Amino acid sequence: MRISALLSVLSRKAKDGEIILVDAFTFAAPKTKEALDALVALSKGAKVKLLSAKGSNSALVALASYNRNAIKSFNNLQGIETEELRSLNPVKVLTHKYLIIEKPEAAFKALATRAT
């Protein structure tokens, strides 16, 4: 039941253009400045409002696996939250305007596996 709800939420976000796909976040060290620069670049590339703008719940970053540097880099940014893909749930996705998915091919395979 929860996986079908998650898939429904993801489908709606995709229709609304609120999902952004990223190959990988590779931070050599936990640097908030690098995370901010990445969000600004994603905003321009995806033609969405500034993801790094101060405001509540602007984006949820779904990481393919635990990435300490990425988590620490995004932690200091207001309105940005990180979550591992395996822990993704419909409520968390709905509370954020945009969903940024790292390594989309692996992510969709994992979701398909969870759905069966």
PDB file of N, CA and C in Angstrom:
ATOM      1  N   MET A   1       0.815  -1.192   0.000  1.00  0.00           N
ATOM      2  CA  MET A   1       0.000   0.000   0.000  1.00  0.00           C
ATOM      3  C   MET A   1       0.862   1.261   0.000  1.00  0.00           C
ATOM      4  N   ARG A   2       1.908   1.285   0.860  1.00  0.00           N
ATOM      5  CA  ARG A   2       2.757   2.473   0.929  1.00  0.00           C
ATOM      6  C   ARG A   2       3.527   2.691  -0.365  1.00  0.00           C
ATOM      7  N   ILE A   3       3.954   1.608  -0.999  1.00  0.00           N
ATOM      8  CA  ILE A   3       4.723   1.767  -2.235  1.00  0.00           C
ATOM      9  C   ILE A   3       3.821   2.301  -3.347  1.00  0.00           C
ATOM     10  N   SER A   4       2.569   1.862  -3.390  1.00  0.00           N
ATOM     11  CA  SER A   4       1.670   2.386  -4.427  1.00  0.00           C
ATOM     12  C   SER A   4       1.373   3.865  -4.180  1.00  0.00           C
ATOM     13  N   ALA A   5       1.294   4.261  -2.919  1.00  0.00           N
ATOM     14  CA  ALA A   5       1.107   5.682  -2.601  1.00  0.00           C
ATOM     15  C   ALA A   5       2.332   6.485  -3.027  1.00  0.00           C
ATOM     16  N   LEU A   6       3.510   5.941  -2.770  1.00  0.00           N
ATOM     17  CA  LEU A   6       4.746   6.616  -3.175  1.00  0.00           C
ATOM     18  C   LEU A   6       4.813   6.749  -4.693  1.00  0.00           C
ATOM     19  N   LEU A   7       4.482   5.688  -5.399  1.00  0.00           N
ATOM     20  CA  LEU A   7       4.505   5.739  -6.864  1.00  0.00           C
ATOM     21  C   LEU A   7       3.491   6.749  -7.401  1.00  0.00           C
ATOM     22  N   SER A   8       2.351   6.845  -6.769  1.00  0.00           N
ATOM     23  CA  SER A   8       1.340   7.822  -7.169  1.00  0.00           C
ATOM     24  C   SER A   8       1.845   9.253  -6.967  1.00  0.00           C
ATOM     25  N   VAL A   9       2.486   9.494  -5.829  1.00  0.00           N
ATOM     26  CA  VAL A   9       3.039  10.823  -5.542  1.00  0.00           C
ATOM     27  C   VAL A   9       4.147  11.163  -6.534  1.00  0.00           C
ATOM     28  N   LEU A  10       5.015  10.196  -6.823  1.00  0.00           N
ATOM     29  CA  LEU A  10       6.100  10.425  -7.781  1.00  0.00           C
ATOM     30  C   LEU A  10       5.546  10.703  -9.175  1.00  0.00           C
ATOM     31  N   SER A  11       4.490   9.994  -9.548  1.00  0.00           N
ATOM     32  CA  SER A  11       3.861  10.218 -10.845  1.00  0.00           C
ATOM     33  C   SER A  11       3.314  11.640 -10.943  1.00  0.00           C
ATOM     34  N   ARG A  12       2.681  12.096  -9.888  1.00  0.00           N
ATOM     35  CA  ARG A  12       2.122  13.455  -9.884  1.00  0.00           C
ATOM     36  C   ARG A  12       3.225  14.503  -9.956  1.00  0.00           C
ATOM     37  N   LYS A  13       4.302  14.282  -9.201  1.00  0.00           N
ATOM     38  CA  LYS A  13       5.426  15.228  -9.230  1.00  0.00           C
ATOM     39  C   LYS A  13       6.052  15.260 -10.624  1.00  0.00           C
ATOM     40  N   ALA A  14       6.145  14.108 -11.272  1.00  0.00           N
ATOM     41  CA  ALA A  14       6.707  14.055 -12.622  1.00  0.00           C
ATOM     42  C   ALA A  14       5.819  14.832 -13.598  1.00  0.00           C
ATOM     43  N   LYS A  15       4.503  14.675 -13.483  1.00  0.00           N
ATOM     44  CA  LYS A  15       3.572  15.409 -14.342  1.00  0.00           C
ATOM     45  C   LYS A  15       3.702  16.912 -14.156  1.00  0.00           C
ATOM     46  N   ASP A  16       3.914  17.319 -12.915  1.00  0.00           N
ATOM     47  CA  ASP A  16       4.017  18.743 -12.598  1.00  0.00           C
ATOM     48  C   ASP A  16       5.411  19.308 -12.844  1.00  0.00           C
ATOM     49  N   GLY A  17       6.346  18.462 -13.268  1.00  0.00           N
ATOM     50  CA  GLY A  17       7.708  18.923 -13.539  1.00  0.00           C
ATOM     51  C   GLY A  17       8.481  19.267 -12.277  1.00  0.00           C
ATOM     52  N   GLU A  18       8.198  18.564 -11.195  1.00  0.00           N
ATOM     53  CA  GLU A  18       8.830  18.858  -9.917  1.00  0.00           C
ATOM     54  C   GLU A  18       9.888  17.832  -9.522  1.00  0.00           C
ATOM     55  N   ILE A  19      10.297  16.993 -10.467  1.00  0.00           N
ATOM     56  CA  ILE A  19      11.368  16.028 -10.208  1.00  0.00           C
ATOM     57  C   ILE A  19      12.569  16.427 -11.046  1.00  0.00           C
ATOM     58  N   ILE A  20      13.720  16.476 -10.400  1.00  0.00           N
ATOM     59  CA  ILE A  20      14.978  16.811 -11.070  1.00  0.00           C
ATOM     60  C   ILE A  20      15.905  15.615 -10.911  1.00  0.00           C
ATOM     61  N   LEU A  21      16.468  15.142 -12.018  1.00  0.00           N
ATOM     62  CA  LEU A  21      17.358  13.982 -11.997  1.00  0.00           C
ATOM     63  C   LEU A  21      18.810  14.433 -12.094  1.00  0.00           C
ATOM     64  N   VAL A  22      19.658  13.821 -11.266  1.00  0.00           N
ATOM     65  CA  VAL A  22      21.072  14.183 -11.189  1.00  0.00           C
ATOM     66  C   VAL A  22      21.893  12.903 -11.277  1.00  0.00           C
ATOM     67  N   ASP A  23      22.990  12.943 -12.044  1.00  0.00           N
ATOM     68  CA  ASP A  23      23.857  11.766 -12.132  1.00  0.00           C
ATOM     69  C   ASP A  23      24.431  11.400 -10.774  1.00  0.00           C
ATOM     70  N   ALA A  24      25.091  12.345 -10.122  1.00  0.00           N
ATOM     71  CA  ALA A  24      25.678  12.074  -8.801  1.00  0.00           C
ATOM     72  C   ALA A  24      26.099  13.370  -8.140  1.00  0.00           C
ATOM     73  N   PHE A  25      26.082  13.352  -6.829  1.00  0.00           N
ATOM     74  CA  PHE A  25      26.650  14.450  -6.053  1.00  0.00           C
ATOM     75  C   PHE A  25      28.002  13.977  -5.553  1.00  0.00           C
ATOM     76  N   THR A  26      29.054  14.574  -6.074  1.00  0.00           N
ATOM     77  CA  THR A  26      30.402  14.180  -5.666  1.00  0.00           C
ATOM     78  C   THR A  26      31.076  15.355  -4.983  1.00  0.00           C
ATOM     79  N   PHE A  27      30.991  15.359  -3.687  1.00  0.00           N
ATOM     80  CA  PHE A  27      31.652  16.382  -2.890  1.00  0.00           C
ATOM     81  C   PHE A  27      32.885  15.754  -2.266  1.00  0.00           C
ATOM     82  N   ALA A  28      34.054  16.367  -2.509  1.00  0.00           N
ATOM     83  CA  ALA A  28      35.298  15.847  -1.938  1.00  0.00           C
ATOM     84  C   ALA A  28      35.289  15.973  -0.420  1.00  0.00           C
ATOM     85  N   ALA A  29      34.665  17.017   0.062  1.00  0.00           N
ATOM     86  CA  ALA A  29      34.548  17.259   1.496  1.00  0.00           C
ATOM     87  C   ALA A  29      33.191  17.913   1.733  1.00  0.00           C
ATOM     88  N   PRO A  30      32.692  17.855   2.955  1.00  0.00           N
ATOM     89  CA  PRO A  30      31.413  18.502   3.229  1.00  0.00           C
ATOM     90  C   PRO A  30      31.521  20.021   3.165  1.00  0.00           C
ATOM     91  N   LYS A  31      31.061  20.609   2.079  1.00  0.00           N
ATOM     92  CA  LYS A  31      31.125  22.062   1.879  1.00  0.00           C
ATOM     93  C   LYS A  31      29.740  22.568   1.473  1.00  0.00           C
ATOM     94  N   THR A  32      29.167  23.409   2.306  1.00  0.00           N
ATOM     95  CA  THR A  32      27.855  23.971   2.017  1.00  0.00           C
ATOM     96  C   THR A  32      27.890  24.827   0.758  1.00  0.00           C
ATOM     97  N   LYS A  33      28.973  25.523   0.533  1.00  0.00           N
ATOM     98  CA  LYS A  33      29.119  26.381  -0.657  1.00  0.00           C
ATOM     99  C   LYS A  33      28.988  25.552  -1.934  1.00  0.00           C
ATOM    100  N   GLU A  34      29.608  24.370  -1.953  1.00  0.00           N
ATOM    101  CA  GLU A  34      29.511  23.506  -3.131  1.00  0.00           C
ATOM    102  C   GLU A  34      28.072  23.020  -3.334  1.00  0.00           C
ATOM    103  N   ALA A  35      27.393  22.697  -2.248  1.00  0.00           N
ATOM    104  CA  ALA A  35      25.998  22.260  -2.347  1.00  0.00           C
ATOM    105  C   ALA A  35      25.122  23.395  -2.868  1.00  0.00           C
ATOM    106  N   LEU A  36      25.370  24.593  -2.381  1.00  0.00           N
ATOM    107  CA  LEU A  36      24.619  25.763  -2.838  1.00  0.00           C
ATOM    108  C   LEU A  36      24.860  26.015  -4.323  1.00  0.00           C
ATOM    109  N   ASP A  37      26.116  25.920  -4.748  1.00  0.00           N
ATOM    110  CA  ASP A  37      26.440  26.089  -6.171  1.00  0.00           C
ATOM    111  C   ASP A  37      25.742  25.029  -7.025  1.00  0.00           C
ATOM    112  N   ALA A  38      25.695  23.792  -6.528  1.00  0.00           N
ATOM    113  CA  ALA A  38      25.027  22.714  -7.260  1.00  0.00           C
ATOM    114  C   ALA A  38      23.534  23.006  -7.403  1.00  0.00           C
ATOM    115  N   LEU A  39      22.913  23.508  -6.342  1.00  0.00           N
ATOM    116  CA  LEU A  39      21.482  23.827  -6.401  1.00  0.00           C
ATOM    117  C   LEU A  39      21.190  24.981  -7.347  1.00  0.00           C
ATOM    118  N   VAL A  40      22.064  25.971  -7.358  1.00  0.00           N
ATOM    119  CA  VAL A  40      21.886  27.102  -8.283  1.00  0.00           C
ATOM    120  C   VAL A  40      21.984  26.608  -9.723  1.00  0.00           C
ATOM    121  N   ALA A  41      22.971  25.748 -10.001  1.00  0.00           N
ATOM    122  CA  ALA A  41      23.134  25.197 -11.350  1.00  0.00           C
ATOM    123  C   ALA A  41      21.930  24.335 -11.741  1.00  0.00           C
ATOM    124  N   LEU A  42      21.431  23.528 -10.803  1.00  0.00           N
ATOM    125  CA  LEU A  42      20.253  22.707 -11.084  1.00  0.00           C
ATOM    126  C   LEU A  42      19.031  23.577 -11.361  1.00  0.00           C
ATOM    127  N   SER A  43      18.900  24.664 -10.632  1.00  0.00           N
ATOM    128  CA  SER A  43      17.771  25.580 -10.833  1.00  0.00           C
ATOM    129  C   SER A  43      17.775  26.148 -12.241  1.00  0.00           C
ATOM    130  N   LYS A  44      18.957  26.548 -12.691  1.00  0.00           N
ATOM    131  CA  LYS A  44      19.065  27.112 -14.042  1.00  0.00           C
ATOM    132  C   LYS A  44      18.823  26.051 -15.098  1.00  0.00           C
ATOM    133  N   GLY A  45      19.411  24.870 -14.903  1.00  0.00           N
ATOM    134  CA  GLY A  45      19.284  23.798 -15.879  1.00  0.00           C
ATOM    135  C   GLY A  45      17.873  23.258 -15.987  1.00  0.00           C
ATOM    136  N   ALA A  46      17.183  23.157 -14.869  1.00  0.00           N
ATOM    137  CA  ALA A  46      15.827  22.614 -14.863  1.00  0.00           C
ATOM    138  C   ALA A  46      14.771  23.689 -15.078  1.00  0.00           C
ATOM    139  N   LYS A  47      15.219  24.939 -15.154  1.00  0.00           N
ATOM    140  CA  LYS A  47      14.311  26.073 -15.357  1.00  0.00           C
ATOM    141  C   LYS A  47      13.202  26.107 -14.301  1.00  0.00           C
ATOM    142  N   VAL A  48      13.628  25.985 -13.055  1.00  0.00           N
ATOM    143  CA  VAL A  48      12.700  26.085 -11.927  1.00  0.00           C
ATOM    144  C   VAL A  48      13.126  27.256 -11.062  1.00  0.00           C
ATOM    145  N   LYS A  49      12.238  27.649 -10.151  1.00  0.00           N
ATOM    146  CA  LYS A  49      12.611  28.747  -9.272  1.00  0.00           C
ATOM    147  C   LYS A  49      13.827  28.326  -8.456  1.00  0.00           C
ATOM    148  N   LEU A  50      14.522  29.268  -7.937  1.00  0.00           N
ATOM    149  CA  LEU A  50      15.774  29.011  -7.241  1.00  0.00           C
ATOM    150  C   LEU A  50      15.571  28.020  -6.102  1.00  0.00           C
ATOM    151  N   LEU A  51      16.184  26.845  -6.230  1.00  0.00           N
ATOM    152  CA  LEU A  51      16.046  25.807  -5.219  1.00  0.00           C
ATOM    153  C   LEU A  51      16.679  26.206  -3.895  1.00  0.00           C
ATOM    154  N   SER A  52      17.661  27.080  -3.964  1.00  0.00           N
ATOM    155  CA  SER A  52      18.376  27.463  -2.752  1.00  0.00           C
ATOM    156  C   SER A  52      17.748  28.660  -2.058  1.00  0.00           C
ATOM    157  N   ALA A  53      16.635  29.156  -2.577  1.00  0.00           N
ATOM    158  CA  ALA A  53      15.983  30.319  -1.966  1.00  0.00           C
ATOM    159  C   ALA A  53      15.524  29.974  -0.560  1.00  0.00           C
ATOM    160  N   LYS A  54      15.663  30.943   0.318  1.00  0.00           N
ATOM    161  CA  LYS A  54      15.237  30.693   1.693  1.00  0.00           C
ATOM    162  C   LYS A  54      13.733  30.532   1.711  1.00  0.00           C
ATOM    163  N   GLY A  55      13.315  29.501   2.312  1.00  0.00           N
ATOM    164  CA  GLY A  55      11.901  29.189   2.391  1.00  0.00           C
ATOM    165  C   GLY A  55      11.778  27.787   2.929  1.00  0.00           C
ATOM    166  N   SER A  56      10.630  27.439   3.344  1.00  0.00           N
ATOM    167  CA  SER A  56      10.497  26.121   3.936  1.00  0.00           C
ATOM    168  C   SER A  56      10.214  25.072   2.876  1.00  0.00           C
ATOM    169  N   ASN A  57      10.846  23.949   3.043  1.00  0.00           N
ATOM    170  CA  ASN A  57      10.577  22.757   2.238  1.00  0.00           C
ATOM    171  C   ASN A  57      10.670  22.968   0.734  1.00  0.00           C
ATOM    172  N   SER A  58      11.758  23.561   0.284  1.00  0.00           N
ATOM    173  CA  SER A  58      11.853  23.782  -1.151  1.00  0.00           C
ATOM    174  C   SER A  58      12.291  22.538  -1.913  1.00  0.00           C
ATOM    175  N   ALA A  59      13.145  21.684  -1.324  1.00  0.00           N
ATOM    176  CA  ALA A  59      13.577  20.497  -2.066  1.00  0.00           C
ATOM    177  C   ALA A  59      13.967  19.355  -1.140  1.00  0.00           C
ATOM    178  N   LEU A  60      13.706  18.154  -1.613  1.00  0.00           N
ATOM    179  CA  LEU A  60      14.140  16.931  -0.949  1.00  0.00           C
ATOM    180  C   LEU A  60      15.147  16.275  -1.876  1.00  0.00           C
ATOM    181  N   VAL A  61      16.338  16.008  -1.369  1.00  0.00           N
ATOM    182  CA  VAL A  61      17.386  15.362  -2.149  1.00  0.00           C
ATOM    183  C   VAL A  61      17.374  13.880  -1.794  1.00  0.00           C
ATOM    184  N   ALA A  62      17.021  13.027  -2.755  1.00  0.00           N
ATOM    185  CA  ALA A  62      16.987  11.584  -2.542  1.00  0.00           C
ATOM    186  C   ALA A  62      18.305  10.994  -3.026  1.00  0.00           C
ATOM    187  N   LEU A  63      19.131  10.570  -2.083  1.00  0.00           N
ATOM    188  CA  LEU A  63      20.445  10.018  -2.407  1.00  0.00           C
ATOM    189  C   LEU A  63      20.331   8.525  -2.674  1.00  0.00           C
ATOM    190  N   ALA A  64      21.090   8.039  -3.639  1.00  0.00           N
ATOM    191  CA  ALA A  64      21.054   6.626  -3.990  1.00  0.00           C
ATOM    192  C   ALA A  64      21.540   5.758  -2.835  1.00  0.00           C
ATOM    193  N   SER A  65      22.536   6.237  -2.111  1.00  0.00           N
ATOM    194  CA  SER A  65      23.069   5.525  -0.950  1.00  0.00           C
ATOM    195  C   SER A  65      23.606   6.553   0.031  1.00  0.00           C
ATOM    196  N   TYR A  66      24.017   6.089   1.194  1.00  0.00           N
ATOM    197  CA  TYR A  66      24.527   7.002   2.213  1.00  0.00           C
ATOM    198  C   TYR A  66      25.773   7.707   1.680  1.00  0.00           C
ATOM    199  N   ASN A  67      25.749   9.025   1.711  1.00  0.00           N
ATOM    200  CA  ASN A  67      26.865   9.840   1.235  1.00  0.00           C
ATOM    201  C   ASN A  67      27.089  10.940   2.272  1.00  0.00           C
ATOM    202  N   ARG A  68      28.017  10.696   3.174  1.00  0.00           N
ATOM    203  CA  ARG A  68      28.259  11.593   4.302  1.00  0.00           C
ATOM    204  C   ARG A  68      28.536  13.017   3.842  1.00  0.00           C
ATOM    205  N   ASN A  69      29.383  13.168   2.836  1.00  0.00           N
ATOM    206  CA  ASN A  69      29.742  14.508   2.366  1.00  0.00           C
ATOM    207  C   ASN A  69      28.536  15.254   1.797  1.00  0.00           C
ATOM    208  N   ALA A  70      27.705  14.570   1.045  1.00  0.00           N
ATOM    209  CA  ALA A  70      26.514  15.219   0.480  1.00  0.00           C
ATOM    210  C   ALA A  70      25.527  15.593   1.582  1.00  0.00           C
ATOM    211  N   ILE A  71      25.320  14.707   2.524  1.00  0.00           N
ATOM    212  CA  ILE A  71      24.380  14.979   3.612  1.00  0.00           C
ATOM    213  C   ILE A  71      24.836  16.181   4.421  1.00  0.00           C
ATOM    214  N   LYS A  72      26.102  16.208   4.790  1.00  0.00           N
ATOM    215  CA  LYS A  72      26.622  17.333   5.577  1.00  0.00           C
ATOM    216  C   LYS A  72      26.632  18.626   4.762  1.00  0.00           C
ATOM    217  N   SER A  73      26.856  18.530   3.476  1.00  0.00           N
ATOM    218  CA  SER A  73      26.861  19.723   2.624  1.00  0.00           C
ATOM    219  C   SER A  73      25.477  20.354   2.538  1.00  0.00           C
ATOM    220  N   PHE A  74      24.443  19.544   2.414  1.00  0.00           N
ATOM    221  CA  PHE A  74      23.080  20.062   2.282  1.00  0.00           C
ATOM    222  C   PHE A  74      22.439  20.416   3.625  1.00  0.00           C
ATOM    223  N   ASN A  75      22.957  19.875   4.729  1.00  0.00           N
ATOM    224  CA  ASN A  75      22.347  20.092   6.045  1.00  0.00           C
ATOM    225  C   ASN A  75      22.225  21.554   6.438  1.00  0.00           C
ATOM    226  N   ASN A  76      23.171  22.383   6.069  1.00  0.00           N
ATOM    227  CA  ASN A  76      23.157  23.784   6.488  1.00  0.00           C
ATOM    228  C   ASN A  76      22.271  24.668   5.625  1.00  0.00           C
ATOM    229  N   LEU A  77      21.676  24.115   4.603  1.00  0.00           N
ATOM    230  CA  LEU A  77      20.824  24.907   3.710  1.00  0.00           C
ATOM    231  C   LEU A  77      19.374  24.822   4.167  1.00  0.00           C
ATOM    232  N   GLN A  78      18.790  25.967   4.383  1.00  0.00           N
ATOM    233  CA  GLN A  78      17.409  26.024   4.849  1.00  0.00           C
ATOM    234  C   GLN A  78      16.460  25.553   3.751  1.00  0.00           C
ATOM    235  N   GLY A  79      15.519  24.705   4.121  1.00  0.00           N
ATOM    236  CA  GLY A  79      14.520  24.235   3.170  1.00  0.00           C
ATOM    237  C   GLY A  79      14.958  23.047   2.335  1.00  0.00           C
ATOM    238  N   ILE A  80      16.189  22.588   2.526  1.00  0.00           N
ATOM    239  CA  ILE A  80      16.699  21.435   1.781  1.00  0.00           C
ATOM    240  C   ILE A  80      16.875  20.288   2.765  1.00  0.00           C
ATOM    241  N   GLU A  81      16.366  19.130   2.403  1.00  0.00           N
ATOM    242  CA  GLU A  81      16.487  17.961   3.264  1.00  0.00           C
ATOM    243  C   GLU A  81      17.026  16.807   2.436  1.00  0.00           C
ATOM    244  N   THR A  82      17.826  15.950   3.051  1.00  0.00           N
ATOM    245  CA  THR A  82      18.355  14.781   2.353  1.00  0.00           C
ATOM    246  C   THR A  82      17.735  13.516   2.931  1.00  0.00           C
ATOM    247  N   GLU A  83      17.614  12.532   2.079  1.00  0.00           N
ATOM    248  CA  GLU A  83      17.036  11.255   2.480  1.00  0.00           C
ATOM    249  C   GLU A  83      17.599  10.190   1.551  1.00  0.00           C
ATOM    250  N   GLU A  84      17.878   9.022   2.093  1.00  0.00           N
ATOM    251  CA  GLU A  84      18.285   7.917   1.233  1.00  0.00           C
ATOM    252  C   GLU A  84      17.052   7.416   0.491  1.00  0.00           C
ATOM    253  N   LEU A  85      17.253   6.981  -0.719  1.00  0.00           N
ATOM    254  CA  LEU A  85      16.137   6.545  -1.557  1.00  0.00           C
ATOM    255  C   LEU A  85      15.356   5.411  -0.906  1.00  0.00           C
ATOM    256  N   ARG A  86      16.047   4.520  -0.240  1.00  0.00           N
ATOM    257  CA  ARG A  86      15.362   3.377   0.376  1.00  0.00           C
ATOM    258  C   ARG A  86      14.429   3.805   1.507  1.00  0.00           C
ATOM    259  N   SER A  87      14.635   4.995   2.057  1.00  0.00           N
ATOM    260  CA  SER A  87      13.807   5.502   3.156  1.00  0.00           C
ATOM    261  C   SER A  87      12.736   6.480   2.680  1.00  0.00           C
ATOM    262  N   LEU A  88      12.635   6.658   1.392  1.00  0.00           N
ATOM    263  CA  LEU A  88      11.689   7.627   0.835  1.00  0.00           C
ATOM    264  C   LEU A  88      10.255   7.198   1.133  1.00  0.00           C
ATOM    265  N   ASN A  89       9.425   8.145   1.533  1.00  0.00           N
ATOM    266  CA  ASN A  89       8.021   7.835   1.777  1.00  0.00           C
ATOM    267  C   ASN A  89       7.152   8.957   1.214  1.00  0.00           C
ATOM    268  N   PRO A  90       5.881   8.673   0.970  1.00  0.00           N
ATOM    269  CA  PRO A  90       5.005   9.654   0.321  1.00  0.00           C
ATOM    270  C   PRO A  90       4.867  10.967   1.092  1.00  0.00           C
ATOM    271  N   VAL A  91       4.801  10.892   2.401  1.00  0.00           N
ATOM    272  CA  VAL A  91       4.623  12.107   3.201  1.00  0.00           C
ATOM    273  C   VAL A  91       5.819  13.032   3.046  1.00  0.00           C
ATOM    274  N   LYS A  92       7.010  12.464   3.116  1.00  0.00           N
ATOM    275  CA  LYS A  92       8.218  13.276   2.997  1.00  0.00           C
ATOM    276  C   LYS A  92       8.302  13.913   1.607  1.00  0.00           C
ATOM    277  N   VAL A  93       7.937  13.177   0.577  1.00  0.00           N
ATOM    278  CA  VAL A  93       7.973  13.711  -0.788  1.00  0.00           C
ATOM    279  C   VAL A  93       6.946  14.833  -0.950  1.00  0.00           C
ATOM    280  N   LEU A  94       5.774  14.661  -0.377  1.00  0.00           N
ATOM    281  CA  LEU A  94       4.719  15.669  -0.507  1.00  0.00           C
ATOM    282  C   LEU A  94       5.009  16.958   0.255  1.00  0.00           C
ATOM    283  N   THR A  95       5.829  16.890   1.289  1.00  0.00           N
ATOM    284  CA  THR A  95       6.107  18.098   2.072  1.00  0.00           C
ATOM    285  C   THR A  95       7.138  19.002   1.416  1.00  0.00           C
ATOM    286  N   HIS A  96       7.698  18.586   0.298  1.00  0.00           N
ATOM    287  CA  HIS A  96       8.691  19.396  -0.413  1.00  0.00           C
ATOM    288  C   HIS A  96       8.196  19.701  -1.820  1.00  0.00           C
ATOM    289  N   LYS A  97       8.493  20.889  -2.291  1.00  0.00           N
ATOM    290  CA  LYS A  97       8.056  21.304  -3.630  1.00  0.00           C
ATOM    291  C   LYS A  97       8.747  20.482  -4.715  1.00  0.00           C
ATOM    292  N   TYR A  98      10.074  20.339  -4.595  1.00  0.00           N
ATOM    293  CA  TYR A  98      10.848  19.626  -5.619  1.00  0.00           C
ATOM    294  C   TYR A  98      11.508  18.396  -5.030  1.00  0.00           C
ATOM    295  N   LEU A  99      11.693  17.394  -5.873  1.00  0.00           N
ATOM    296  CA  LEU A  99      12.397  16.176  -5.501  1.00  0.00           C
ATOM    297  C   LEU A  99      13.595  16.041  -6.430  1.00  0.00           C
ATOM    298  N   ILE A 100      14.780  15.972  -5.853  1.00  0.00           N
ATOM    299  CA  ILE A 100      16.008  15.803  -6.625  1.00  0.00           C
ATOM    300  C   ILE A 100      16.470  14.368  -6.409  1.00  0.00           C
ATOM    301  N   ILE A 101      16.519  13.582  -7.481  1.00  0.00           N
ATOM    302  CA  ILE A 101      16.882  12.170  -7.379  1.00  0.00           C
ATOM    303  C   ILE A 101      18.281  11.966  -7.942  1.00  0.00           C
ATOM    304  N   GLU A 102      19.155  11.398  -7.119  1.00  0.00           N
ATOM    305  CA  GLU A 102      20.522  11.091  -7.536  1.00  0.00           C
ATOM    306  C   GLU A 102      20.540   9.693  -8.158  1.00  0.00           C
ATOM    307  N   LYS A 103      21.328   9.511  -9.205  1.00  0.00           N
ATOM    308  CA  LYS A 103      21.467   8.239  -9.924  1.00  0.00           C
ATOM    309  C   LYS A 103      20.093   7.655 -10.280  1.00  0.00           C
ATOM    310  N   PRO A 104      19.394   8.293 -11.214  1.00  0.00           N
ATOM    311  CA  PRO A 104      18.005   7.916 -11.506  1.00  0.00           C
ATOM    312  C   PRO A 104      17.806   6.481 -11.989  1.00  0.00           C
ATOM    313  N   GLU A 105      18.740   5.937 -12.761  1.00  0.00           N
ATOM    314  CA  GLU A 105      18.557   4.565 -13.251  1.00  0.00           C
ATOM    315  C   GLU A 105      18.497   3.583 -12.094  1.00  0.00           C
ATOM    316  N   ALA A 106      19.451   3.704 -11.171  1.00  0.00           N
ATOM    317  CA  ALA A 106      19.470   2.824  -9.999  1.00  0.00           C
ATOM    318  C   ALA A 106      18.253   3.084  -9.115  1.00  0.00           C
ATOM    319  N   ALA A 107      17.851   4.335  -9.034  1.00  0.00           N
ATOM    320  CA  ALA A 107      16.703   4.698  -8.197  1.00  0.00           C
ATOM    321  C   ALA A 107      15.423   4.053  -8.718  1.00  0.00           C
ATOM    322  N   PHE A 108      15.198   4.131 -10.018  1.00  0.00           N
ATOM    323  CA  PHE A 108      13.970   3.573 -10.570  1.00  0.00           C
ATOM    324  C   PHE A 108      13.976   2.046 -10.529  1.00  0.00           C
ATOM    325  N   LYS A 109      15.165   1.436 -10.657  1.00  0.00           N
ATOM    326  CA  LYS A 109      15.255  -0.020 -10.500  1.00  0.00           C
ATOM    327  C   LYS A 109      14.889  -0.412  -9.077  1.00  0.00           C
ATOM    328  N   ALA A 110      15.403   0.337  -8.104  1.00  0.00           N
ATOM    329  CA  ALA A 110      15.105   0.047  -6.696  1.00  0.00           C
ATOM    330  C   ALA A 110      13.618   0.214  -6.409  1.00  0.00           C
ATOM    331  N   LEU A 111      13.009   1.249  -6.970  1.00  0.00           N
ATOM    332  CA  LEU A 111      11.573   1.458  -6.772  1.00  0.00           C
ATOM    333  C   LEU A 111      10.756   0.347  -7.431  1.00  0.00           C
ATOM    334  N   ALA A 112      11.184  -0.089  -8.602  1.00  0.00           N
ATOM    335  CA  ALA A 112      10.480  -1.178  -9.283  1.00  0.00           C
ATOM    336  C   ALA A 112      10.583  -2.469  -8.475  1.00  0.00           C
ATOM    337  N   THR A 113      11.744  -2.697  -7.874  1.00  0.00           N
ATOM    338  CA  THR A 113      11.935  -3.880  -7.037  1.00  0.00           C
ATOM    339  C   THR A 113      11.036  -3.809  -5.809  1.00  0.00           C
ATOM    340  N   ARG A 114      10.940  -2.630  -5.212  1.00  0.00           N
ATOM    341  CA  ARG A 114      10.073  -2.453  -4.040  1.00  0.00           C
ATOM    342  C   ARG A 114       8.611  -2.655  -4.402  1.00  0.00           C
ATOM    343  N   ALA A 115       8.249  -2.311  -5.628  1.00  0.00           N
ATOM    344  CA  ALA A 115       6.848  -2.388  -6.044  1.00  0.00           C
ATOM    345  C   ALA A 115       6.385  -3.821  -6.285  1.00  0.00           C
ATOM    346  N   THR A 116       7.318  -4.719  -6.517  1.00  0.00           N
ATOM    347  CA  THR A 116       6.909  -6.108  -6.796  1.00  0.00           C
ATOM    348  C   THR A 116       7.029  -6.995  -5.595  1.00  0.00           C
TER     349      THR A 116
END
